[in-house]
Amino acid sequence: MDLSPLWAWSLGSLWVYCLALFVDGATFSFATTLLIILYAQHHGPWELALAGSLASALGSACQFYVLRLMLDSGHRWLHRFAPSREKLAAALSGNPSASFLAIMLARATPMPDAPLKLVAAAGRYPVRLYAAAILLGALPYYFVLALLARKAADLARQFKVPWWVVVAAFALVGLGLVADHLRRRRKAPG
């Protein structure tokens, strides 16, 4: 069975993109960058930024709401899914205040924002404000990422660079960011 027409249709569909980002935001948020890069060839940067940041904000708000329920719940079965008290204490000590600007700035970067999310959930930060901060932080990040991905793909087509070289270059940049983050964590006192 040839799946290439289905693949082409899904890449051309802004609804599929939004659904994927909603699910990604509501779960582990590990595919956001890859989704934006994939869809950048089929939609304009502003389309991807506006629709994608809205979908991500809605998905993240759902995840945040569930996380707050887990932390506040008296049900033992929900505590099994909640972060451990040690992780929560580490997040609280590392991020003493979870403000709108901090959440927005954390979302405007490719770095993980889980500790800040835990602090905000434990502090009963309002879900609507959390979603608004995610939306406003994601807008510029998604736009720049989509614009860079489109320019890189145009450049690759112009010089006839194989697609796997472009993917490998993005992967190397991502690995470099992760390595830098891990290096800084090891050097941090504590």
C-alpha atoms as a PDB file:
ATOM      1  CA  MET A   1       0.000   0.000   0.000  1.00  0.00           C
ATOM      2  CA  ASP A   2       1.438   3.357  -1.052  1.00  0.00           C
ATOM      3  CA  LEU A   3       1.129   5.929   1.745  1.00  0.00           C
ATOM      4  CA  SER A   4       2.762   8.815  -0.128  1.00  0.00           C
ATOM      5  CA  PRO A   5      -0.563  10.490  -1.144  1.00  0.00           C
ATOM      6  CA  LEU A   6      -1.738  10.333   2.477  1.00  0.00           C
ATOM      7  CA  TRP A   7       1.609  11.722   3.665  1.00  0.00           C
ATOM      8  CA  ALA A   8       1.444  14.558   1.109  1.00  0.00           C
ATOM      9  CA  TRP A   9      -2.139  15.366   2.107  1.00  0.00           C
ATOM     10  CA  SER A  10      -1.308  15.397   5.826  1.00  0.00           C
ATOM     11  CA  LEU A  11       1.653  17.738   5.280  1.00  0.00           C
ATOM     12  CA  GLY A  12      -0.574  20.072   3.291  1.00  0.00           C
ATOM     13  CA  SER A  13      -3.310  20.105   5.923  1.00  0.00           C
ATOM     14  CA  LEU A  14      -3.126  22.833   8.537  1.00  0.00           C
ATOM     15  CA  TRP A  15      -5.730  20.906  10.567  1.00  0.00           C
ATOM     16  CA  VAL A  16      -3.471  17.857  10.825  1.00  0.00           C
ATOM     17  CA  TYR A  17      -0.614  20.142  11.899  1.00  0.00           C
ATOM     18  CA  CYS A  18      -2.792  21.734  14.598  1.00  0.00           C
ATOM     19  CA  LEU A  19      -4.058  18.376  15.823  1.00  0.00           C
ATOM     20  CA  ALA A  20      -0.500  17.031  16.014  1.00  0.00           C
ATOM     21  CA  LEU A  21       0.676  20.092  17.976  1.00  0.00           C
ATOM     22  CA  PHE A  22      -2.345  19.878  20.299  1.00  0.00           C
ATOM     23  CA  VAL A  23      -1.578  16.227  21.076  1.00  0.00           C
ATOM     24  CA  ASP A  24       2.122  17.031  21.433  1.00  0.00           C
ATOM     25  CA  GLY A  25       1.350  19.897  23.842  1.00  0.00           C
ATOM     26  CA  ALA A  26      -1.055  17.752  25.847  1.00  0.00           C
ATOM     27  CA  THR A  27       1.496  14.956  26.221  1.00  0.00           C
ATOM     28  CA  PHE A  28       5.297  15.175  26.253  1.00  0.00           C
ATOM     29  CA  SER A  29       5.994  18.089  23.859  1.00  0.00           C
ATOM     30  CA  PHE A  30       8.942  16.414  22.180  1.00  0.00           C
ATOM     31  CA  ALA A  31       7.865  16.703  18.518  1.00  0.00           C
ATOM     32  CA  THR A  32       7.074  20.419  18.286  1.00  0.00           C
ATOM     33  CA  THR A  33      10.256  21.473  16.509  1.00  0.00           C
ATOM     34  CA  LEU A  34      10.133  18.560  14.085  1.00  0.00           C
ATOM     35  CA  LEU A  35       6.478  19.270  13.214  1.00  0.00           C
ATOM     36  CA  ILE A  36       7.209  22.916  12.474  1.00  0.00           C
ATOM     37  CA  ILE A  37      10.187  21.982  10.297  1.00  0.00           C
ATOM     38  CA  LEU A  38       8.135  19.401   8.372  1.00  0.00           C
ATOM     39  CA  TYR A  39       5.217  21.747   7.724  1.00  0.00           C
ATOM     40  CA  ALA A  40       7.359  24.802   6.890  1.00  0.00           C
ATOM     41  CA  GLN A  41       7.582  23.724   3.236  1.00  0.00           C
ATOM     42  CA  HIS A  42       3.808  23.651   2.846  1.00  0.00           C
ATOM     43  CA  HIS A  43       2.605  26.707   4.785  1.00  0.00           C
ATOM     44  CA  GLY A  44       3.780  30.222   5.468  1.00  0.00           C
ATOM     45  CA  PRO A  45       5.640  31.033   8.693  1.00  0.00           C
ATOM     46  CA  TRP A  46       2.783  33.214   9.970  1.00  0.00           C
ATOM     47  CA  GLU A  47       0.216  30.467   9.351  1.00  0.00           C
ATOM     48  CA  LEU A  48       2.338  27.960  11.225  1.00  0.00           C
ATOM     49  CA  ALA A  49       3.078  30.398  14.044  1.00  0.00           C
ATOM     50  CA  LEU A  50      -0.523  31.511  14.610  1.00  0.00           C
ATOM     51  CA  ALA A  51      -2.281  28.169  14.193  1.00  0.00           C
ATOM     52  CA  GLY A  52       0.505  26.169  15.833  1.00  0.00           C
ATOM     53  CA  SER A  53       0.914  28.355  18.894  1.00  0.00           C
ATOM     54  CA  LEU A  54      -2.846  28.314  19.478  1.00  0.00           C
ATOM     55  CA  ALA A  55      -2.971  24.512  19.176  1.00  0.00           C
ATOM     56  CA  SER A  56       0.083  24.111  21.426  1.00  0.00           C
ATOM     57  CA  ALA A  57      -1.344  26.502  24.005  1.00  0.00           C
ATOM     58  CA  LEU A  58      -4.622  24.569  24.138  1.00  0.00           C
ATOM     59  CA  GLY A  59      -2.805  21.239  24.438  1.00  0.00           C
ATOM     60  CA  SER A  60      -0.434  22.601  27.083  1.00  0.00           C
ATOM     61  CA  ALA A  61      -3.367  24.052  29.023  1.00  0.00           C
ATOM     62  CA  CYS A  62      -5.015  20.606  29.089  1.00  0.00           C
ATOM     63  CA  GLN A  63      -1.783  19.017  30.314  1.00  0.00           C
ATOM     64  CA  PHE A  64      -1.331  21.781  32.911  1.00  0.00           C
ATOM     65  CA  TYR A  65      -4.895  21.347  34.168  1.00  0.00           C
ATOM     66  CA  VAL A  66      -4.405  17.586  34.572  1.00  0.00           C
ATOM     67  CA  LEU A  67      -1.080  18.181  36.336  1.00  0.00           C
ATOM     68  CA  ARG A  68      -2.790  20.555  38.779  1.00  0.00           C
ATOM     69  CA  LEU A  69      -5.483  17.945  39.409  1.00  0.00           C
ATOM     70  CA  MET A  70      -2.838  15.328  40.124  1.00  0.00           C
ATOM     71  CA  LEU A  71      -1.022  17.567  42.562  1.00  0.00           C
ATOM     72  CA  ASP A  72      -4.221  18.636  44.344  1.00  0.00           C
ATOM     73  CA  SER A  73      -6.009  15.312  44.320  1.00  0.00           C
ATOM     74  CA  GLY A  74      -6.635  13.278  47.396  1.00  0.00           C
ATOM     75  CA  HIS A  75      -6.968  10.168  45.248  1.00  0.00           C
ATOM     76  CA  ARG A  76      -4.086   7.753  45.738  1.00  0.00           C
ATOM     77  CA  TRP A  77      -4.271   6.406  42.186  1.00  0.00           C
ATOM     78  CA  LEU A  78      -3.639   9.895  40.768  1.00  0.00           C
ATOM     79  CA  HIS A  79      -0.561  10.386  42.943  1.00  0.00           C
ATOM     80  CA  ARG A  80       1.040   7.516  41.066  1.00  0.00           C
ATOM     81  CA  PHE A  81       1.115   9.751  37.954  1.00  0.00           C
ATOM     82  CA  ALA A  82       2.117  12.946  39.763  1.00  0.00           C
ATOM     83  CA  PRO A  83       5.769  13.913  40.013  1.00  0.00           C
ATOM     84  CA  SER A  84       7.605  12.777  43.119  1.00  0.00           C
ATOM     85  CA  ARG A  85       7.943  15.122  46.056  1.00  0.00           C
ATOM     86  CA  GLU A  86      11.711  15.212  45.461  1.00  0.00           C
ATOM     87  CA  LYS A  87      11.253  16.426  41.886  1.00  0.00           C
ATOM     88  CA  LEU A  88       8.726  18.997  43.015  1.00  0.00           C
ATOM     89  CA  ALA A  89      11.039  20.237  45.772  1.00  0.00           C
ATOM     90  CA  ALA A  90      13.910  20.517  43.276  1.00  0.00           C
ATOM     91  CA  ALA A  91      11.698  22.453  40.869  1.00  0.00           C
ATOM     92  CA  LEU A  92      10.489  24.765  43.639  1.00  0.00           C
ATOM     93  CA  SER A  93      14.035  25.504  44.809  1.00  0.00           C
ATOM     94  CA  GLY A  94      15.273  26.086  41.254  1.00  0.00           C
ATOM     95  CA  ASN A  95      12.361  28.325  40.235  1.00  0.00           C
ATOM     96  CA  PRO A  96      11.000  30.211  43.241  1.00  0.00           C
ATOM     97  CA  SER A  97       8.339  32.085  41.295  1.00  0.00           C
ATOM     98  CA  ALA A  98       6.340  31.104  38.258  1.00  0.00           C
ATOM     99  CA  SER A  99       5.242  34.324  36.665  1.00  0.00           C
ATOM    100  CA  PHE A 100       3.566  35.038  33.364  1.00  0.00           C
ATOM    101  CA  LEU A 101       6.756  36.464  31.892  1.00  0.00           C
ATOM    102  CA  ALA A 102       8.872  33.503  33.030  1.00  0.00           C
ATOM    103  CA  ILE A 103       6.431  31.007  31.489  1.00  0.00           C
ATOM    104  CA  MET A 104       6.238  33.041  28.290  1.00  0.00           C
ATOM    105  CA  LEU A 105      10.024  33.322  27.978  1.00  0.00           C
ATOM    106  CA  ALA A 106      10.486  29.618  28.711  1.00  0.00           C
ATOM    107  CA  ARG A 107       8.111  28.768  25.853  1.00  0.00           C
ATOM    108  CA  ALA A 108       9.882  31.166  23.499  1.00  0.00           C
ATOM    109  CA  THR A 109      13.003  28.980  23.639  1.00  0.00           C
ATOM    110  CA  PRO A 110      13.651  25.364  22.654  1.00  0.00           C
ATOM    111  CA  MET A 111      14.737  24.492  26.207  1.00  0.00           C
ATOM    112  CA  PRO A 112      12.484  22.265  28.371  1.00  0.00           C
ATOM    113  CA  ASP A 113      10.108  24.102  30.665  1.00  0.00           C
ATOM    114  CA  ALA A 114       9.013  21.198  32.889  1.00  0.00           C
ATOM    115  CA  PRO A 115      10.445  22.581  36.169  1.00  0.00           C
ATOM    116  CA  LEU A 116       8.640  25.877  35.657  1.00  0.00           C
ATOM    117  CA  LYS A 117       5.435  24.021  34.762  1.00  0.00           C
ATOM    118  CA  LEU A 118       5.672  22.032  38.014  1.00  0.00           C
ATOM    119  CA  VAL A 119       6.188  25.196  40.040  1.00  0.00           C
ATOM    120  CA  ALA A 120       3.247  26.886  38.363  1.00  0.00           C
ATOM    121  CA  ALA A 121       0.998  23.855  38.894  1.00  0.00           C
ATOM    122  CA  ALA A 122       2.027  23.458  42.529  1.00  0.00           C
ATOM    123  CA  GLY A 123       1.414  27.167  43.056  1.00  0.00           C
ATOM    124  CA  ARG A 124      -2.077  26.834  41.516  1.00  0.00           C
ATOM    125  CA  TYR A 125      -1.247  29.259  38.712  1.00  0.00           C
ATOM    126  CA  PRO A 126      -4.425  30.022  36.692  1.00  0.00           C
ATOM    127  CA  VAL A 127      -4.833  27.764  33.651  1.00  0.00           C
ATOM    128  CA  ARG A 128      -6.005  30.629  31.414  1.00  0.00           C
ATOM    129  CA  LEU A 129      -2.947  32.744  32.240  1.00  0.00           C
ATOM    130  CA  TYR A 130      -0.705  29.733  31.701  1.00  0.00           C
ATOM    131  CA  ALA A 131      -2.269  29.117  28.267  1.00  0.00           C
ATOM    132  CA  ALA A 132      -1.930  32.812  27.344  1.00  0.00           C
ATOM    133  CA  ALA A 133       1.757  32.801  28.329  1.00  0.00           C
ATOM    134  CA  ILE A 134       2.348  29.659  26.256  1.00  0.00           C
ATOM    135  CA  LEU A 135       0.542  31.218  23.274  1.00  0.00           C
ATOM    136  CA  LEU A 136       2.517  34.467  23.409  1.00  0.00           C
ATOM    137  CA  GLY A 137       5.829  32.688  23.935  1.00  0.00           C
ATOM    138  CA  ALA A 138       5.249  30.178  21.155  1.00  0.00           C
ATOM    139  CA  LEU A 139       4.309  32.783  18.512  1.00  0.00           C
ATOM    140  CA  PRO A 140       7.785  34.242  17.900  1.00  0.00           C
ATOM    141  CA  TYR A 141       9.538  30.905  18.416  1.00  0.00           C
ATOM    142  CA  TYR A 142       7.334  29.076  15.917  1.00  0.00           C
ATOM    143  CA  PHE A 143       7.593  31.920  13.396  1.00  0.00           C
ATOM    144  CA  VAL A 144      11.392  32.075  13.497  1.00  0.00           C
ATOM    145  CA  LEU A 145      11.712  28.295  13.379  1.00  0.00           C
ATOM    146  CA  ALA A 146       9.324  28.011  10.396  1.00  0.00           C
ATOM    147  CA  LEU A 147      11.101  30.837   8.589  1.00  0.00           C
ATOM    148  CA  LEU A 148      14.542  29.281   9.155  1.00  0.00           C
ATOM    149  CA  ALA A 149      13.310  25.837   8.099  1.00  0.00           C
ATOM    150  CA  ARG A 150      11.811  27.241   4.902  1.00  0.00           C
ATOM    151  CA  LYS A 151      14.968  29.201   4.074  1.00  0.00           C
ATOM    152  CA  ALA A 152      17.165  26.155   4.764  1.00  0.00           C
ATOM    153  CA  ALA A 153      15.005  23.961   2.524  1.00  0.00           C
ATOM    154  CA  ASP A 154      15.027  26.585  -0.251  1.00  0.00           C
ATOM    155  CA  LEU A 155      18.796  26.784   0.003  1.00  0.00           C
ATOM    156  CA  ALA A 156      19.076  22.988  -0.039  1.00  0.00           C
ATOM    157  CA  ARG A 157      16.906  22.794  -3.189  1.00  0.00           C
ATOM    158  CA  GLN A 158      18.947  25.518  -4.848  1.00  0.00           C
ATOM    159  CA  PHE A 159      22.189  23.622  -4.266  1.00  0.00           C
ATOM    160  CA  LYS A 160      20.557  20.185  -4.621  1.00  0.00           C
ATOM    161  CA  VAL A 161      21.504  19.064  -1.129  1.00  0.00           C
ATOM    162  CA  PRO A 162      19.888  15.718  -0.206  1.00  0.00           C
ATOM    163  CA  TRP A 163      17.064  15.961   2.335  1.00  0.00           C
ATOM    164  CA  TRP A 164      18.909  13.759   4.822  1.00  0.00           C
ATOM    165  CA  VAL A 165      21.784  16.279   5.002  1.00  0.00           C
ATOM    166  CA  VAL A 166      19.333  19.010   6.070  1.00  0.00           C
ATOM    167  CA  VAL A 167      17.753  16.708   8.671  1.00  0.00           C
ATOM    168  CA  ALA A 168      21.209  15.715   9.942  1.00  0.00           C
ATOM    169  CA  ALA A 169      22.203  19.383  10.251  1.00  0.00           C
ATOM    170  CA  PHE A 170      19.117  20.162  12.335  1.00  0.00           C
ATOM    171  CA  ALA A 171      19.767  17.050  14.446  1.00  0.00           C
ATOM    172  CA  LEU A 172      23.361  18.155  15.071  1.00  0.00           C
ATOM    173  CA  VAL A 173      22.188  21.593  16.189  1.00  0.00           C
ATOM    174  CA  GLY A 174      19.666  19.935  18.522  1.00  0.00           C
ATOM    175  CA  LEU A 175      22.308  17.599  19.923  1.00  0.00           C
ATOM    176  CA  GLY A 176      24.591  20.577  20.465  1.00  0.00           C
ATOM    177  CA  LEU A 177      21.869  22.356  22.465  1.00  0.00           C
ATOM    178  CA  VAL A 178      21.246  19.257  24.575  1.00  0.00           C
ATOM    179  CA  ALA A 179      24.987  18.729  25.166  1.00  0.00           C
ATOM    180  CA  ASP A 180      25.386  22.365  26.195  1.00  0.00           C
ATOM    181  CA  HIS A 181      22.451  22.086  28.578  1.00  0.00           C
ATOM    182  CA  LEU A 182      23.860  18.905  30.149  1.00  0.00           C
ATOM    183  CA  ARG A 183      27.314  20.477  30.440  1.00  0.00           C
ATOM    184  CA  ARG A 184      25.877  23.481  32.284  1.00  0.00           C
ATOM    185  CA  ARG A 185      23.884  21.233  34.626  1.00  0.00           C
ATOM    186  CA  ARG A 186      27.026  19.302  35.569  1.00  0.00           C
ATOM    187  CA  LYS A 187      28.954  22.497  36.274  1.00  0.00           C
ATOM    188  CA  ALA A 188      26.150  24.011  38.367  1.00  0.00           C
ATOM    189  CA  PRO A 189      26.860  23.933  42.108  1.00  0.00           C
ATOM    190  CA  GLY A 190      24.591  21.758  44.106  1.00  0.00           C
END
